[in-house]
Amino acid sequence: MTFAATRLEHCLTDVSRWMSANRLKLNSEKTELVWVGYRYGLTPLGSGGPSLQLGTDTVAASDHVRVLGVTISSDLSLDKHVFNVCAKCFFLASATETSPTFTRR
């Protein structure tokens, strides 16, 4: 495990302890991890990065995460987010033309 991963794991342990002391729980099932780097310099690790131990649970790294509805990739690009938004818009446009419940104004 790298130095950064070890420090992040210690930080998560401290946050988890603080939350427990304040009657809160850090939900490891909803915790996402992405190792980032910029596109032209360091190679982004993405899902190839080390996973972290959060109490008795393991949080695996992924290639992209969602933060407040925005999908961010490991190279800090918004390509995946733009693709998801365009796919939803295409689906809605298709649904309005084929479904009688959607009407144009």
N, C-alpha and C. Protein backbone atom coordinates (compact mmCIF):
# COMPACT_ATOMS: atom_id res chain seq x y z
N MET A 1 0.84 -1.17 0.00
CA MET A 1 0.00 0.00 0.00
C MET A 1 0.89 1.24 0.00
N THR A 2 0.48 2.23 -0.75
CA THR A 2 1.27 3.44 -0.87
C THR A 2 1.10 4.33 0.37
N PHE A 3 1.95 5.31 0.45
CA PHE A 3 1.91 6.26 1.56
C PHE A 3 0.58 7.02 1.57
N ALA A 4 0.12 7.45 0.38
CA ALA A 4 -1.14 8.20 0.29
C ALA A 4 -2.32 7.34 0.74
N ALA A 5 -2.32 6.07 0.35
CA ALA A 5 -3.40 5.17 0.74
C ALA A 5 -3.41 4.94 2.25
N THR A 6 -2.25 4.80 2.84
CA THR A 6 -2.15 4.62 4.29
C THR A 6 -2.66 5.85 5.03
N ARG A 7 -2.26 7.04 4.58
CA ARG A 7 -2.73 8.28 5.22
C ARG A 7 -4.22 8.45 5.09
N LEU A 8 -4.75 8.12 3.90
CA LEU A 8 -6.19 8.24 3.69
C LEU A 8 -6.96 7.26 4.56
N GLU A 9 -6.42 6.07 4.72
CA GLU A 9 -7.05 5.07 5.59
C GLU A 9 -7.08 5.55 7.04
N HIS A 10 -5.98 6.16 7.52
CA HIS A 10 -5.95 6.71 8.88
C HIS A 10 -6.96 7.86 9.02
N CYS A 11 -7.07 8.70 8.00
CA CYS A 11 -8.01 9.80 8.03
C CYS A 11 -9.45 9.27 8.10
N LEU A 12 -9.75 8.24 7.31
CA LEU A 12 -11.08 7.64 7.35
C LEU A 12 -11.38 7.02 8.70
N THR A 13 -10.38 6.43 9.33
CA THR A 13 -10.56 5.87 10.66
C THR A 13 -10.89 6.98 11.66
N ASP A 14 -10.18 8.11 11.57
CA ASP A 14 -10.46 9.24 12.45
C ASP A 14 -11.86 9.79 12.23
N VAL A 15 -12.27 9.92 10.97
CA VAL A 15 -13.62 10.40 10.66
C VAL A 15 -14.67 9.44 11.20
N SER A 16 -14.43 8.16 11.04
CA SER A 16 -15.36 7.14 11.54
C SER A 16 -15.48 7.20 13.07
N ARG A 17 -14.37 7.39 13.76
CA ARG A 17 -14.40 7.53 15.22
C ARG A 17 -15.17 8.77 15.64
N TRP A 18 -14.93 9.89 14.96
CA TRP A 18 -15.64 11.12 15.28
C TRP A 18 -17.15 10.93 15.07
N MET A 19 -17.51 10.28 13.97
CA MET A 19 -18.92 10.05 13.69
C MET A 19 -19.55 9.16 14.74
N SER A 20 -18.84 8.12 15.16
CA SER A 20 -19.36 7.23 16.21
C SER A 20 -19.55 7.99 17.52
N ALA A 21 -18.61 8.86 17.85
CA ALA A 21 -18.72 9.64 19.08
C ALA A 21 -19.92 10.59 19.04
N ASN A 22 -20.36 10.97 17.84
CA ASN A 22 -21.50 11.86 17.68
C ASN A 22 -22.75 11.12 17.21
N ARG A 23 -22.78 9.82 17.50
CA ARG A 23 -23.92 8.94 17.19
C ARG A 23 -24.28 8.92 15.71
N LEU A 24 -23.26 8.94 14.86
CA LEU A 24 -23.44 8.84 13.41
C LEU A 24 -22.71 7.60 12.92
N LYS A 25 -23.02 7.18 11.70
CA LYS A 25 -22.36 6.01 11.15
C LYS A 25 -21.89 6.31 9.73
N LEU A 26 -20.65 5.99 9.45
CA LEU A 26 -20.12 6.13 8.11
C LEU A 26 -20.53 4.89 7.32
N ASN A 27 -21.38 5.06 6.31
CA ASN A 27 -21.92 3.94 5.56
C ASN A 27 -20.92 3.49 4.50
N SER A 28 -20.28 2.35 4.73
CA SER A 28 -19.26 1.86 3.80
C SER A 28 -19.87 1.37 2.50
N GLU A 29 -21.16 1.03 2.51
CA GLU A 29 -21.81 0.58 1.27
C GLU A 29 -21.99 1.74 0.29
N LYS A 30 -22.09 2.95 0.80
CA LYS A 30 -22.27 4.12 -0.06
C LYS A 30 -20.98 4.90 -0.26
N THR A 31 -19.89 4.43 0.32
CA THR A 31 -18.60 5.11 0.19
C THR A 31 -17.93 4.66 -1.10
N GLU A 32 -17.51 5.62 -1.91
CA GLU A 32 -16.85 5.33 -3.17
C GLU A 32 -15.43 5.89 -3.14
N LEU A 33 -14.53 5.23 -3.87
CA LEU A 33 -13.12 5.61 -3.89
C LEU A 33 -12.64 5.66 -5.33
N VAL A 34 -12.01 6.75 -5.68
CA VAL A 34 -11.38 6.87 -7.00
C VAL A 34 -10.02 7.53 -6.81
N TRP A 35 -9.02 6.96 -7.43
CA TRP A 35 -7.67 7.53 -7.40
C TRP A 35 -7.52 8.35 -8.67
N VAL A 36 -7.22 9.64 -8.53
CA VAL A 36 -7.21 10.53 -9.68
C VAL A 36 -5.81 11.00 -10.03
N GLY A 37 -5.67 11.38 -11.26
CA GLY A 37 -4.46 11.99 -11.80
C GLY A 37 -4.90 12.80 -12.99
N TYR A 38 -4.06 13.64 -13.50
CA TYR A 38 -4.49 14.42 -14.65
C TYR A 38 -4.10 13.72 -15.93
N ARG A 39 -4.81 14.04 -16.98
CA ARG A 39 -4.76 13.31 -18.24
C ARG A 39 -3.38 13.27 -18.88
N TYR A 40 -2.60 14.33 -18.79
CA TYR A 40 -1.34 14.41 -19.52
C TYR A 40 -0.11 14.19 -18.67
N GLY A 41 -0.29 13.95 -17.39
CA GLY A 41 0.86 13.76 -16.51
C GLY A 41 0.85 12.37 -15.93
N LEU A 42 0.53 12.30 -14.66
CA LEU A 42 0.50 11.03 -13.97
C LEU A 42 -0.58 10.12 -14.55
N THR A 43 -0.31 8.85 -14.62
CA THR A 43 -1.31 7.91 -15.10
C THR A 43 -2.35 7.70 -14.02
N PRO A 44 -3.63 7.95 -14.34
CA PRO A 44 -4.66 7.73 -13.33
C PRO A 44 -4.78 6.25 -13.01
N LEU A 45 -4.87 5.93 -11.74
CA LEU A 45 -4.95 4.53 -11.33
C LEU A 45 -6.35 3.96 -11.53
N GLY A 46 -7.36 4.79 -11.29
CA GLY A 46 -8.73 4.31 -11.45
C GLY A 46 -9.00 3.08 -10.60
N SER A 47 -9.58 2.06 -11.20
CA SER A 47 -9.91 0.84 -10.45
C SER A 47 -8.67 -0.01 -10.17
N GLY A 48 -7.53 0.34 -10.75
CA GLY A 48 -6.30 -0.39 -10.50
C GLY A 48 -5.58 0.04 -9.24
N GLY A 49 -6.09 1.07 -8.59
CA GLY A 49 -5.48 1.58 -7.37
C GLY A 49 -5.79 0.70 -6.18
N PRO A 50 -5.09 0.93 -5.08
CA PRO A 50 -5.32 0.09 -3.89
C PRO A 50 -6.69 0.36 -3.27
N SER A 51 -7.26 -0.67 -2.68
CA SER A 51 -8.51 -0.51 -1.96
C SER A 51 -8.20 -0.11 -0.52
N LEU A 52 -9.20 0.43 0.18
CA LEU A 52 -9.00 0.89 1.55
C LEU A 52 -9.85 0.08 2.51
N GLN A 53 -9.35 -0.08 3.71
CA GLN A 53 -10.05 -0.78 4.78
C GLN A 53 -10.83 0.25 5.59
N LEU A 54 -12.15 0.07 5.69
CA LEU A 54 -13.00 0.97 6.44
C LEU A 54 -13.68 0.14 7.52
N GLY A 55 -13.05 0.07 8.68
CA GLY A 55 -13.53 -0.82 9.74
C GLY A 55 -13.30 -2.26 9.32
N THR A 56 -14.38 -3.02 9.24
CA THR A 56 -14.27 -4.42 8.78
C THR A 56 -14.57 -4.54 7.30
N ASP A 57 -14.97 -3.46 6.65
CA ASP A 57 -15.31 -3.48 5.22
C ASP A 57 -14.17 -2.96 4.37
N THR A 58 -14.16 -3.40 3.12
CA THR A 58 -13.16 -2.95 2.17
C THR A 58 -13.84 -2.11 1.11
N VAL A 59 -13.28 -0.94 0.84
CA VAL A 59 -13.80 -0.06 -0.21
C VAL A 59 -12.86 -0.18 -1.40
N ALA A 60 -13.38 -0.74 -2.49
CA ALA A 60 -12.57 -0.93 -3.69
C ALA A 60 -12.57 0.34 -4.53
N ALA A 61 -11.47 0.56 -5.23
CA ALA A 61 -11.35 1.72 -6.11
C ALA A 61 -12.14 1.47 -7.39
N SER A 62 -12.63 2.54 -7.99
CA SER A 62 -13.35 2.41 -9.26
C SER A 62 -12.83 3.45 -10.25
N ASP A 63 -13.29 3.34 -11.49
CA ASP A 63 -12.83 4.26 -12.53
C ASP A 63 -13.55 5.61 -12.49
N HIS A 64 -14.74 5.64 -11.88
CA HIS A 64 -15.48 6.89 -11.77
C HIS A 64 -16.41 6.82 -10.57
N VAL A 65 -16.74 8.00 -10.04
CA VAL A 65 -17.65 8.11 -8.89
C VAL A 65 -18.67 9.20 -9.18
N ARG A 66 -19.79 9.14 -8.45
CA ARG A 66 -20.82 10.18 -8.55
C ARG A 66 -20.77 11.03 -7.29
N VAL A 67 -20.65 12.34 -7.49
CA VAL A 67 -20.63 13.30 -6.39
C VAL A 67 -21.72 14.32 -6.68
N LEU A 68 -22.77 14.33 -5.86
CA LEU A 68 -23.90 15.24 -6.03
C LEU A 68 -24.47 15.18 -7.45
N GLY A 69 -24.55 13.98 -8.00
CA GLY A 69 -25.15 13.78 -9.32
C GLY A 69 -24.21 13.96 -10.48
N VAL A 70 -22.98 14.34 -10.23
CA VAL A 70 -22.00 14.54 -11.30
C VAL A 70 -21.03 13.36 -11.29
N THR A 71 -20.85 12.73 -12.45
CA THR A 71 -19.93 11.60 -12.56
C THR A 71 -18.54 12.12 -12.90
N ILE A 72 -17.57 11.80 -12.05
CA ILE A 72 -16.19 12.25 -12.23
C ILE A 72 -15.31 11.02 -12.48
N SER A 73 -14.53 11.05 -13.55
CA SER A 73 -13.65 9.95 -13.90
C SER A 73 -12.30 10.09 -13.22
N SER A 74 -11.52 9.01 -13.25
CA SER A 74 -10.23 9.02 -12.58
C SER A 74 -9.23 9.97 -13.23
N ASP A 75 -9.48 10.39 -14.48
CA ASP A 75 -8.60 11.38 -15.11
C ASP A 75 -9.16 12.80 -14.98
N LEU A 76 -10.14 12.97 -14.07
CA LEU A 76 -10.79 14.25 -13.77
C LEU A 76 -11.52 14.84 -14.98
N SER A 77 -11.93 13.99 -15.90
CA SER A 77 -12.72 14.46 -17.03
C SER A 77 -14.20 14.25 -16.73
N LEU A 78 -15.02 14.93 -17.47
CA LEU A 78 -16.47 14.78 -17.33
C LEU A 78 -17.06 14.01 -18.49
N ASP A 79 -16.23 13.26 -19.23
CA ASP A 79 -16.70 12.53 -20.40
C ASP A 79 -17.82 11.56 -20.06
N LYS A 80 -17.68 10.80 -19.00
CA LYS A 80 -18.69 9.83 -18.58
C LYS A 80 -19.98 10.55 -18.19
N HIS A 81 -19.86 11.68 -17.50
CA HIS A 81 -21.03 12.46 -17.10
C HIS A 81 -21.79 12.97 -18.33
N VAL A 82 -21.06 13.53 -19.29
CA VAL A 82 -21.69 14.05 -20.51
C VAL A 82 -22.38 12.92 -21.26
N PHE A 83 -21.74 11.76 -21.33
CA PHE A 83 -22.34 10.61 -21.99
C PHE A 83 -23.65 10.20 -21.31
N ASN A 84 -23.65 10.15 -19.96
CA ASN A 84 -24.86 9.77 -19.22
C ASN A 84 -25.99 10.78 -19.43
N VAL A 85 -25.66 12.08 -19.41
CA VAL A 85 -26.69 13.11 -19.61
C VAL A 85 -27.26 13.03 -21.02
N CYS A 86 -26.39 12.85 -22.02
CA CYS A 86 -26.87 12.75 -23.40
C CYS A 86 -27.73 11.51 -23.61
N ALA A 87 -27.36 10.41 -22.96
CA ALA A 87 -28.16 9.19 -23.08
C ALA A 87 -29.55 9.39 -22.49
N LYS A 88 -29.64 10.08 -21.35
CA LYS A 88 -30.95 10.36 -20.75
C LYS A 88 -31.77 11.28 -21.64
N CYS A 89 -31.15 12.29 -22.23
CA CYS A 89 -31.87 13.21 -23.12
C CYS A 89 -32.37 12.47 -24.36
N PHE A 90 -31.56 11.58 -24.91
CA PHE A 90 -31.97 10.81 -26.07
C PHE A 90 -33.15 9.92 -25.72
N PHE A 91 -33.11 9.29 -24.53
CA PHE A 91 -34.21 8.44 -24.10
C PHE A 91 -35.49 9.25 -23.96
N LEU A 92 -35.41 10.43 -23.36
CA LEU A 92 -36.60 11.27 -23.19
C LEU A 92 -37.14 11.75 -24.54
N ALA A 93 -36.25 12.10 -25.45
CA ALA A 93 -36.69 12.54 -26.77
C ALA A 93 -37.38 11.39 -27.50
N SER A 94 -36.86 10.19 -27.38
CA SER A 94 -37.47 9.01 -28.01
C SER A 94 -38.81 8.72 -27.38
N ALA A 95 -38.92 8.85 -26.07
CA ALA A 95 -40.16 8.55 -25.36
C ALA A 95 -41.26 9.53 -25.72
N THR A 96 -40.93 10.79 -25.95
CA THR A 96 -41.96 11.78 -26.28
C THR A 96 -42.54 11.54 -27.65
N GLU A 97 -41.77 10.96 -28.56
CA GLU A 97 -42.28 10.72 -29.91
C GLU A 97 -43.06 9.42 -30.02
N THR A 98 -42.79 8.45 -29.16
CA THR A 98 -43.44 7.14 -29.28
C THR A 98 -44.55 6.92 -28.28
N SER A 99 -44.58 7.66 -27.20
CA SER A 99 -45.55 7.43 -26.15
C SER A 99 -46.69 8.43 -26.23
N PRO A 100 -47.96 7.96 -26.16
CA PRO A 100 -49.07 8.90 -26.21
C PRO A 100 -49.24 9.69 -24.91
N THR A 101 -48.57 9.28 -23.83
CA THR A 101 -48.72 10.01 -22.57
C THR A 101 -47.91 11.30 -22.55
N PHE A 102 -46.87 11.36 -23.36
CA PHE A 102 -46.08 12.58 -23.47
C PHE A 102 -46.61 13.39 -24.66
N THR A 103 -46.94 14.61 -24.43
CA THR A 103 -47.40 15.45 -25.54
C THR A 103 -46.53 16.69 -25.61
N ARG A 104 -46.35 17.17 -26.81
CA ARG A 104 -45.58 18.40 -26.99
C ARG A 104 -46.50 19.59 -26.83
N ARG A 105 -45.99 20.65 -26.29
CA ARG A 105 -46.79 21.88 -26.09
C ARG A 105 -46.49 22.88 -27.15
